[in-house]
Amino acid sequence: MPITLRPIDRRQFLKGSGALAGGQMISLNALARTENEPRALDPNRVALLADTHISADPEFIYPGTKWPGSPVKDSDHETVNMADCLTQTANEVIALHPRPAHVIVNGDCAFSKGLETEYHEFFKLIEPMRVAGITVHVTVGNHDNRENIWKLLPFLKKEQMGIQADVIELPHANLVLLDSGRRGILGDRQLTWLAKQLDQRDKVPALIFGHFNPYPNRGVRPIQGMRDGPSLLKLLGERPHAKAYFYGHTHEWQHDLKGQLHLINQPAVSYYFGKGHANGWIDMSLTETTATIQLHCINADHTQNGDRRQISLEEKLIH
């Protein structure tokens, strides 16, 4: 099962029964925003986030362009407050009309090694979306720690712990969430599970999500991809109803096409690896024939803000 955080009832939350372990409290200002204008939830709209990298310290600022071999000069790094970026993203998602019924955070929720204190802050920052009625799904990235996430989610049953993978069935497409873990390995068992899930649903387009890039990074920062990425791409390429694979990890906004399969590299919500690169989130709208994705940059003046791509869902399917 995936890590799925259901909406929080506003009244129950205020009474304390809707809070997560650790006594996290949502701000009254965020609650007021959700109460002022009740909005419908659109099951065909999904907000896509990745690489939030939340620190235990909400004031923590990080120079994401600084890493060994970075082309950015030491005196010219751009810094980012990750908590502020996620707060802005949550506010923008809540403000959508209609609101998306689902949010997917595609790995690397935490900044370092998935500390409990980092997840306390992460869960607090996404609570406004849950109070607004949105279901939040989380995949596991290389900076995440499943066990520490589970400690803060007492409602998870024992049988839900383990590999965090599942299928979200929406009216126009199935969203398949994968668990590429901390080392970028799906493993034979999960690949077999994926093939079975796709084959059982071969009349419906499928969009697949996993944190790791399925091939070596071609972006500004050399970064290891999924170790069994070639096996994943082969499996998806053999199934025409598998339309796209969405991934994070490389902190860049990229779009490739391999045969009929779209490869969508989600930008980081938090920091980026190249000076001036985009960071932000993706608004995805589904119809019977298309999945339209639009980039929302944290910096509204960024040249790529509003960039739109379209994925066709109507090619002939397997019957």
Protein backbone atom coordinates (compact mmCIF):
# COMPACT_ATOMS: atom_id res chain seq x y z
CA MET A 1 0.00 0.00 0.00
CA PRO A 2 1.15 3.60 -0.57
CA ILE A 3 1.50 6.22 2.13
CA THR A 4 -1.89 7.88 1.79
CA LEU A 5 -2.97 10.77 3.99
CA ARG A 6 -6.73 11.23 3.87
CA PRO A 7 -8.45 14.61 4.25
CA ILE A 8 -8.82 15.93 7.77
CA ASP A 9 -12.27 16.99 8.95
CA ARG A 10 -11.92 20.61 10.02
CA ARG A 11 -14.15 20.38 13.07
CA GLN A 12 -12.64 17.14 14.28
CA PHE A 13 -9.18 18.53 13.70
CA LEU A 14 -9.90 21.55 15.87
CA LYS A 15 -11.05 19.19 18.60
CA GLY A 16 -7.72 17.40 18.33
CA SER A 17 -8.89 14.04 16.98
CA GLY A 18 -7.69 14.78 13.44
CA ALA A 19 -4.12 15.58 14.36
CA LEU A 20 -1.21 13.37 13.45
CA ALA A 21 1.02 11.91 16.12
CA GLY A 22 3.26 14.54 17.64
CA GLY A 23 0.47 17.06 18.20
CA GLN A 24 0.93 18.92 14.93
CA MET A 25 -1.38 21.90 14.67
CA ILE A 26 -2.48 23.70 11.54
CA SER A 27 -2.35 27.50 11.59
CA LEU A 28 -5.62 29.34 12.13
CA ASN A 29 -4.90 31.45 9.04
CA ALA A 30 -4.70 28.33 6.88
CA LEU A 31 -7.94 27.05 8.35
CA ALA A 32 -9.63 30.37 7.64
CA ARG A 33 -8.57 30.21 4.00
CA THR A 34 -10.24 26.84 3.54
CA GLU A 35 -13.46 28.00 5.24
CA ASN A 36 -13.96 31.27 3.41
CA GLU A 37 -14.84 29.71 0.07
CA PRO A 38 -15.87 26.05 -0.04
CA ARG A 39 -14.69 24.56 -3.34
CA ALA A 40 -15.50 21.41 -5.24
CA LEU A 41 -12.86 18.71 -5.58
CA ASP A 42 -12.05 17.57 -9.11
CA PRO A 43 -11.16 13.84 -9.35
CA ASN A 44 -9.59 14.55 -12.75
CA ARG A 45 -7.16 17.11 -11.38
CA VAL A 46 -3.95 16.12 -9.56
CA ALA A 47 -1.22 18.34 -8.12
CA LEU A 48 2.23 16.82 -8.59
CA LEU A 49 5.05 17.66 -6.18
CA ALA A 50 8.53 16.20 -5.75
CA ASP A 51 11.67 16.78 -3.71
CA THR A 52 10.26 19.02 -0.98
CA HIS A 53 13.34 18.29 1.19
CA ILE A 54 11.87 19.67 4.39
CA SER A 55 14.22 20.27 7.30
CA ALA A 56 13.32 20.03 10.98
CA ASP A 57 14.03 23.78 11.10
CA PRO A 58 11.44 25.78 9.11
CA GLU A 59 13.92 28.67 8.88
CA PHE A 60 16.63 26.53 7.31
CA ILE A 61 18.05 27.95 4.06
CA TYR A 62 20.13 25.81 1.71
CA PRO A 63 22.34 26.69 -1.30
CA GLY A 64 21.07 23.98 -3.60
CA THR A 65 23.34 25.03 -6.44
CA LYS A 66 26.40 24.18 -4.34
CA TRP A 67 27.70 20.65 -4.85
CA PRO A 68 31.01 19.05 -5.95
CA GLY A 69 31.60 19.94 -9.56
CA SER A 70 28.91 22.62 -9.68
CA PRO A 71 29.43 25.15 -12.49
CA VAL A 72 28.13 27.89 -10.19
CA LYS A 73 30.85 30.07 -8.65
CA ASP A 74 31.16 29.96 -4.87
CA SER A 75 30.21 33.63 -4.66
CA ASP A 76 27.18 33.22 -6.90
CA HIS A 77 25.03 30.50 -5.33
CA GLU A 78 21.26 30.89 -5.00
CA THR A 79 19.73 29.84 -1.69
CA VAL A 80 16.24 28.48 -0.97
CA ASN A 81 14.06 28.15 2.12
CA MET A 82 12.41 24.76 1.55
CA ALA A 83 9.59 25.23 4.09
CA ASP A 84 8.60 28.51 2.45
CA CYS A 85 8.49 26.81 -0.96
CA LEU A 86 6.19 24.04 0.29
CA THR A 87 3.97 26.54 2.11
CA GLN A 88 3.60 28.59 -1.07
CA THR A 89 2.87 25.44 -3.07
CA ALA A 90 0.19 24.28 -0.61
CA ASN A 91 -1.45 27.71 -0.70
CA GLU A 92 -1.49 27.71 -4.52
CA VAL A 93 -2.97 24.21 -4.67
CA ILE A 94 -5.68 25.13 -2.15
CA ALA A 95 -6.51 28.25 -4.19
CA LEU A 96 -7.26 26.26 -7.37
CA HIS A 97 -10.88 26.24 -8.51
CA PRO A 98 -11.85 23.45 -8.57
CA ARG A 99 -9.31 21.94 -6.22
CA PRO A 100 -7.53 18.72 -7.17
CA ALA A 101 -8.88 15.70 -5.33
CA HIS A 102 -5.36 14.31 -5.06
CA VAL A 103 -1.79 15.48 -4.46
CA ILE A 104 1.20 13.22 -5.13
CA VAL A 105 4.51 14.02 -3.44
CA ASN A 106 6.93 11.98 -5.53
CA GLY A 107 9.70 11.27 -3.05
CA ASP A 108 12.34 13.02 -0.97
CA CYS A 109 9.96 14.64 1.48
CA ALA A 110 12.82 15.01 3.97
CA PHE A 111 16.01 17.03 3.70
CA SER A 112 18.63 14.66 5.07
CA LYS A 113 18.09 11.00 6.01
CA GLY A 114 14.38 11.00 6.78
CA LEU A 115 14.55 12.03 10.42
CA GLU A 116 11.37 11.96 12.52
CA THR A 117 11.79 15.68 13.20
CA GLU A 118 11.87 16.37 9.46
CA TYR A 119 8.63 14.45 8.93
CA HIS A 120 6.98 16.30 11.81
CA GLU A 121 7.59 19.52 9.89
CA PHE A 122 6.65 18.02 6.51
CA PHE A 123 3.32 16.70 7.79
CA LYS A 124 2.57 20.04 9.41
CA LEU A 125 3.22 21.91 6.15
CA ILE A 126 0.94 19.67 4.05
CA GLU A 127 -1.92 19.67 6.60
CA PRO A 128 -3.63 22.74 5.05
CA MET A 129 -4.20 20.73 1.85
CA ARG A 130 -5.71 17.85 3.82
CA VAL A 131 -7.99 20.21 5.76
CA ALA A 132 -9.04 21.59 2.36
CA GLY A 133 -10.33 18.11 1.49
CA ILE A 134 -7.40 16.89 -0.62
CA THR A 135 -5.94 13.38 -0.32
CA VAL A 136 -2.12 13.39 -0.25
CA HIS A 137 -0.11 10.40 -1.52
CA VAL A 138 3.61 10.05 -0.80
CA THR A 139 6.21 7.93 -2.58
CA VAL A 140 9.59 7.05 -1.07
CA GLY A 141 12.82 8.71 -2.22
CA ASN A 142 16.50 8.30 -1.44
CA HIS A 143 16.33 10.87 1.38
CA ASP A 144 13.31 9.17 2.97
CA ASN A 145 13.03 6.60 5.74
CA ARG A 146 9.92 4.41 5.66
CA GLU A 147 10.17 3.37 9.31
CA ASN A 148 10.31 6.95 10.56
CA ILE A 149 7.32 7.89 8.41
CA TRP A 150 5.34 4.98 9.80
CA LYS A 151 6.08 6.04 13.39
CA LEU A 152 4.15 9.26 12.78
CA LEU A 153 1.20 7.57 11.08
CA PRO A 154 -0.41 5.39 13.76
CA PHE A 155 -3.48 4.76 11.57
CA LEU A 156 -1.40 2.62 9.20
CA LYS A 157 -2.09 -1.06 9.65
CA LYS A 158 0.78 -3.51 9.89
CA GLU A 159 -0.06 -5.04 6.51
CA GLN A 160 0.30 -1.60 4.88
CA MET A 161 3.95 -1.33 5.87
CA GLY A 162 6.65 -2.50 3.51
CA ILE A 163 6.97 -1.57 -0.16
CA GLN A 164 4.81 1.52 -0.67
CA ALA A 165 3.19 0.86 -4.07
CA ASP A 166 -0.41 0.91 -5.24
CA VAL A 167 -2.84 2.06 -7.94
CA ILE A 168 -5.09 5.12 -7.75
CA GLU A 169 -8.04 4.57 -10.07
CA LEU A 170 -9.37 7.85 -11.47
CA PRO A 171 -12.18 8.35 -14.02
CA HIS A 172 -9.86 8.81 -17.01
CA ALA A 173 -6.59 7.14 -15.98
CA ASN A 174 -4.94 4.88 -13.45
CA LEU A 175 -2.07 6.36 -11.47
CA VAL A 176 0.49 3.75 -10.40
CA LEU A 177 2.75 4.71 -7.49
CA LEU A 178 6.07 2.86 -7.23
CA ASP A 179 8.65 2.58 -4.47
CA SER A 180 12.19 2.94 -5.79
CA GLY A 181 13.51 3.12 -2.23
CA ARG A 182 16.66 4.75 -0.99
CA ARG A 183 18.97 3.05 -3.51
CA GLY A 184 16.90 3.39 -6.67
CA ILE A 185 15.89 -0.25 -7.01
CA LEU A 186 12.37 -1.50 -7.76
CA GLY A 187 13.32 -5.16 -7.61
CA ASP A 188 11.93 -8.16 -9.47
CA ARG A 189 8.99 -8.59 -7.12
CA GLN A 190 7.76 -5.03 -7.61
CA LEU A 191 8.32 -5.16 -11.37
CA THR A 192 6.27 -8.36 -11.52
CA TRP A 193 3.56 -6.65 -9.44
CA LEU A 194 3.61 -3.65 -11.80
CA ALA A 195 3.23 -5.83 -14.90
CA LYS A 196 0.28 -7.62 -13.29
CA GLN A 197 -1.45 -4.38 -12.28
CA LEU A 198 -1.04 -2.89 -15.75
CA ASP A 199 -2.19 -6.05 -17.53
CA GLN A 200 -5.30 -6.27 -15.35
CA ARG A 201 -6.20 -2.70 -16.35
CA ASP A 202 -5.19 -2.67 -20.00
CA LYS A 203 -8.31 -0.81 -21.19
CA VAL A 204 -7.47 2.30 -19.16
CA PRO A 205 -4.48 4.62 -19.74
CA ALA A 206 -1.85 4.41 -17.01
CA LEU A 207 0.48 7.08 -15.63
CA ILE A 208 3.32 5.72 -13.50
CA PHE A 209 5.15 7.54 -10.69
CA GLY A 210 8.46 6.77 -8.99
CA HIS A 211 11.10 8.96 -7.41
CA PHE A 212 14.21 7.89 -9.34
CA ASN A 213 15.04 8.79 -12.93
CA PRO A 214 14.93 5.62 -15.07
CA TYR A 215 18.16 6.39 -16.92
CA PRO A 216 21.39 8.31 -16.20
CA ASN A 217 20.74 11.98 -15.58
CA ARG A 218 21.26 14.21 -18.58
CA GLY A 219 20.79 17.43 -16.60
CA VAL A 220 23.18 19.90 -15.04
CA ARG A 221 24.18 17.67 -12.10
CA PRO A 222 25.41 14.11 -12.72
CA ILE A 223 23.24 11.89 -10.55
CA GLN A 224 22.67 8.14 -10.40
CA GLY A 225 19.46 6.86 -11.93
CA MET A 226 17.32 3.83 -11.09
CA ARG A 227 19.48 0.71 -11.15
CA ASP A 228 16.77 -1.37 -12.83
CA GLY A 229 15.51 1.55 -14.92
CA PRO A 230 16.10 -0.30 -18.22
CA SER A 231 13.84 -3.13 -16.99
CA LEU A 232 11.16 -0.60 -16.04
CA LEU A 233 11.33 1.17 -19.40
CA LYS A 234 11.15 -2.15 -21.26
CA LEU A 235 8.12 -3.22 -19.22
CA LEU A 236 6.31 0.07 -19.85
CA GLY A 237 7.31 0.18 -23.50
CA GLU A 238 5.67 -3.19 -24.09
CA ARG A 239 2.31 -1.86 -22.84
CA PRO A 240 0.86 0.87 -25.08
CA HIS A 241 -1.64 1.94 -22.42
CA ALA A 242 1.29 2.99 -20.19
CA LYS A 243 1.47 6.61 -21.29
CA ALA A 244 3.98 8.31 -19.02
CA TYR A 245 6.49 7.86 -16.24
CA PHE A 246 6.86 10.77 -13.79
CA TYR A 247 9.98 11.05 -11.65
CA GLY A 248 11.89 13.52 -9.47
CA HIS A 249 15.39 13.11 -7.99
CA THR A 250 17.26 15.27 -10.53
CA HIS A 251 15.55 18.54 -9.47
CA GLU A 252 14.88 19.61 -13.06
CA TRP A 253 11.94 20.22 -15.37
CA GLN A 254 12.49 17.94 -18.37
CA HIS A 255 10.29 16.13 -20.89
CA ASP A 256 11.48 13.24 -23.07
CA LEU A 257 9.68 10.78 -25.33
CA LYS A 258 10.75 7.15 -25.66
CA GLY A 259 8.48 5.47 -28.21
CA GLN A 260 4.94 6.17 -27.00
CA LEU A 261 6.12 6.68 -23.41
CA HIS A 262 6.44 10.23 -22.07
CA LEU A 263 9.16 10.73 -19.45
CA ILE A 264 8.34 13.68 -17.21
CA ASN A 265 11.07 14.92 -14.87
CA GLN A 266 9.31 16.86 -12.12
CA PRO A 267 11.12 19.94 -10.82
CA ALA A 268 11.90 20.11 -7.13
CA VAL A 269 9.47 22.07 -5.01
CA SER A 270 12.50 23.20 -3.03
CA TYR A 271 15.89 23.93 -4.51
CA TYR A 272 17.40 23.34 -7.94
CA PHE A 273 20.84 22.27 -9.05
CA GLY A 274 21.49 24.88 -11.73
CA LYS A 275 21.52 28.63 -11.13
CA GLY A 276 18.27 30.15 -12.36
CA HIS A 277 16.55 26.80 -12.94
CA ALA A 278 12.87 26.39 -12.23
CA ASN A 279 11.52 25.01 -8.98
CA GLY A 280 7.83 24.47 -8.30
CA TRP A 281 4.99 22.00 -8.88
CA ILE A 282 2.80 20.63 -11.67
CA ASP A 283 -0.95 20.98 -12.16
CA MET A 284 -2.27 17.94 -14.09
CA SER A 285 -5.74 17.82 -15.65
CA LEU A 286 -7.12 14.61 -17.14
CA THR A 287 -9.76 14.11 -19.83
CA GLU A 288 -10.76 11.02 -21.81
CA THR A 289 -8.14 11.88 -24.42
CA THR A 290 -5.37 13.89 -22.77
CA ALA A 291 -3.33 14.56 -19.65
CA THR A 292 -2.33 18.21 -19.63
CA ILE A 293 0.46 19.24 -17.28
CA GLN A 294 1.34 22.84 -16.44
CA LEU A 295 4.37 24.04 -14.50
CA HIS A 296 3.83 26.46 -11.62
CA CYS A 297 7.16 28.02 -10.62
CA ILE A 298 7.83 29.29 -7.12
CA ASN A 299 9.12 32.40 -8.87
CA ALA A 300 6.10 33.57 -10.85
CA ASP A 301 8.39 35.64 -13.08
CA HIS A 302 10.47 32.65 -14.17
CA THR A 303 10.54 32.21 -17.95
CA GLN A 304 9.21 28.64 -17.65
CA ASN A 305 6.28 29.51 -15.38
CA GLY A 306 3.10 28.28 -17.06
CA ASP A 307 4.95 25.90 -19.39
CA ARG A 308 2.40 23.33 -20.63
CA ARG A 309 2.84 19.83 -22.06
CA GLN A 310 0.19 17.41 -23.29
CA ILE A 311 0.16 13.62 -23.09
CA SER A 312 -2.23 11.80 -25.40
CA LEU A 313 -4.32 9.11 -23.71
CA GLU A 314 -6.29 8.03 -26.77
CA GLU A 315 -3.91 5.85 -28.79
CA LYS A 316 -5.26 2.40 -29.50
CA LEU A 317 -5.24 0.35 -26.31
CA ILE A 318 -4.74 -3.37 -25.79
CA HIS A 319 -8.02 -5.30 -25.78
